[in-house]
C-alpha cells in the first residue's frame, strides 16, 4: 500500500536529511493529513520500530499526535501504523542532544526559542 511518495527526490535544505511521510488524524477536524518530516533514528527490536521526530515549533501534526496518538508512517517501501509518545525529562534531553550532535541545526533551533522543543517517539504497532 505504499504510495511511492517517499521515493521522490528532496532538494534544498532537506536534501541530505532522512525523511518519513507521516499521516495523522486532525486534532479538531478529524481530517487526514500527510506531512514529510525529519527522521532522526530507527531502532529495531523484536519486530518493533521506534522512530524519533523533532521540530522547532509545535506544528499541526504535533497537536494531531497529542490528540490522536495512532498514525501511519511511510518510510521507503515500508508502510506501517505507529503510536506516538511525547518524551520528557532525561529521555527527551538525551534524544534531542543526540540529534543536535548529528545535525547541528537542531541546536540552533533550540537557541532561537525560549520554549522547549518537543521530541516525539513513534513506536510501530503492526
Protein backbone atom coordinates (compact mmCIF):
# COMPACT_ATOMS: atom_id res chain seq x y z
CA UNK A 1 0.00 0.00 0.00
CA UNK A 2 2.99 2.27 -0.45
CA UNK A 3 2.07 5.35 -2.44
CA UNK A 4 5.63 5.90 -3.60
CA UNK A 5 5.61 9.44 -2.23
CA UNK A 6 8.70 8.78 -0.10
CA UNK A 7 10.73 7.89 -3.22
CA UNK A 8 10.61 11.44 -4.58
CA UNK A 9 13.86 13.45 -4.50
CA UNK A 10 14.11 16.26 -1.97
CA UNK A 11 16.25 19.30 -2.68
CA UNK A 12 17.39 22.39 -0.83
CA UNK A 13 17.88 22.47 2.94
CA UNK A 14 16.34 19.00 3.40
CA UNK A 15 18.32 17.29 0.57
CA UNK A 16 20.52 15.09 2.80
CA UNK A 17 18.17 14.68 5.75
CA UNK A 18 16.37 11.34 6.11
CA UNK A 19 12.61 11.87 5.83
CA UNK A 20 9.46 9.91 6.53
CA UNK A 21 5.89 10.56 5.47
CA UNK A 22 3.58 10.78 8.49
CA UNK A 23 -0.20 10.53 8.18
CA UNK A 24 -2.15 11.86 11.17
CA UNK A 25 -5.78 12.49 12.10
CA UNK A 26 -6.64 16.14 12.79
CA UNK A 27 -6.96 17.04 16.47
CA UNK A 28 -10.03 19.21 15.87
CA UNK A 29 -11.19 18.41 12.35
CA UNK A 30 -10.67 14.65 12.28
CA UNK A 31 -9.33 15.09 8.74
CA UNK A 32 -6.44 13.01 7.45
CA UNK A 33 -3.20 14.96 6.98
CA UNK A 34 0.14 13.97 5.36
CA UNK A 35 3.46 15.57 6.22
CA UNK A 36 7.05 14.80 5.23
CA UNK A 37 9.19 15.18 8.32
CA UNK A 38 12.72 14.64 9.55
CA UNK A 39 13.65 11.19 10.83
CA UNK A 40 16.38 11.00 13.44
CA UNK A 41 16.86 7.42 14.49
CA UNK A 42 15.45 3.99 13.99
CA UNK A 43 15.81 1.07 16.31
CA UNK A 44 14.63 -2.48 15.61
CA UNK A 45 13.93 -4.85 18.44
CA UNK A 46 11.73 -7.94 18.19
CA UNK A 47 9.81 -6.56 15.17
CA UNK A 48 9.15 -3.22 16.94
CA UNK A 49 10.40 0.05 15.45
CA UNK A 50 10.93 3.29 17.30
CA UNK A 51 11.21 6.44 15.23
CA UNK A 52 12.18 9.76 16.75
CA UNK A 53 10.85 13.06 15.40
CA UNK A 54 11.68 16.65 16.33
CA UNK A 55 10.73 20.10 15.11
CA UNK A 56 11.40 23.68 16.30
CA UNK A 57 7.75 24.70 16.67
CA UNK A 58 4.60 22.83 17.50
CA UNK A 59 3.03 22.43 14.06
CA UNK A 60 -0.45 20.98 13.48
CA UNK A 61 0.89 17.41 13.23
CA UNK A 62 2.23 17.71 16.80
CA UNK A 63 -1.23 18.61 18.12
CA UNK A 64 -2.72 15.84 15.96
CA UNK A 65 -0.39 13.27 17.55
CA UNK A 66 -1.12 14.50 21.08
CA UNK A 67 -4.89 14.24 20.45
CA UNK A 68 -4.76 11.03 18.34
CA UNK A 69 -1.61 9.06 19.10
CA UNK A 70 -2.09 6.47 16.33
CA UNK A 71 -0.71 7.43 12.93
CA UNK A 72 0.72 5.87 9.78
CA UNK A 73 4.31 6.10 8.52
CA UNK A 74 5.74 5.60 5.05
CA UNK A 75 9.47 5.04 5.14
CA UNK A 76 11.00 3.94 1.86
CA UNK A 77 8.95 0.93 0.74
CA UNK A 78 7.54 0.31 4.23
CA UNK A 79 4.07 1.46 5.29
CA UNK A 80 3.00 0.80 8.90
CA UNK A 81 0.99 2.07 11.88
CA UNK A 82 2.66 3.77 14.87
CA UNK A 83 1.74 5.12 18.28
CA UNK A 84 3.21 8.49 19.25
CA UNK A 85 4.52 9.48 22.67
CA UNK A 86 5.89 12.90 23.61
CA UNK A 87 9.09 12.40 25.61
CA UNK A 88 10.07 14.40 28.66
CA UNK A 89 12.86 14.88 31.17
CA UNK A 90 16.09 12.96 30.74
CA UNK A 91 14.87 10.88 27.80
CA UNK A 92 13.81 13.96 25.85
CA UNK A 93 17.09 15.73 26.55
CA UNK A 94 19.20 12.69 25.62
CA UNK A 95 17.37 12.24 22.30
CA UNK A 96 17.46 15.94 21.47
CA UNK A 97 21.18 16.18 22.29
CA UNK A 98 21.92 13.18 20.08
CA UNK A 99 20.04 14.83 17.21
CA UNK A 100 21.87 18.13 17.72
CA UNK A 101 25.22 16.29 17.73
CA UNK A 102 24.40 14.67 14.37
CA UNK A 103 22.70 17.71 12.86
CA UNK A 104 23.88 21.00 14.44
CA UNK A 105 20.89 22.88 13.01
CA UNK A 106 18.81 21.35 15.82
CA UNK A 107 20.98 23.08 18.45
CA UNK A 108 20.36 26.31 16.53
CA UNK A 109 16.59 25.68 16.59
CA UNK A 110 16.64 25.45 20.39
CA UNK A 111 18.73 28.61 20.70
CA UNK A 112 16.15 30.55 18.67
CA UNK A 113 13.25 29.89 21.04
CA UNK A 114 12.54 30.18 24.74
CA UNK A 115 10.33 27.09 24.83
CA UNK A 116 11.49 23.51 24.90
CA UNK A 117 11.20 21.84 21.51
CA UNK A 118 9.26 18.59 21.83
CA UNK A 119 10.69 15.20 20.89
CA UNK A 120 8.21 12.56 19.77
CA UNK A 121 8.88 8.83 19.66
CA UNK A 122 6.83 6.78 17.19
CA UNK A 123 6.55 3.09 18.10
CA UNK A 124 5.49 0.62 15.43
CA UNK A 125 2.23 -1.17 16.33
CA UNK A 126 1.75 -3.51 13.34
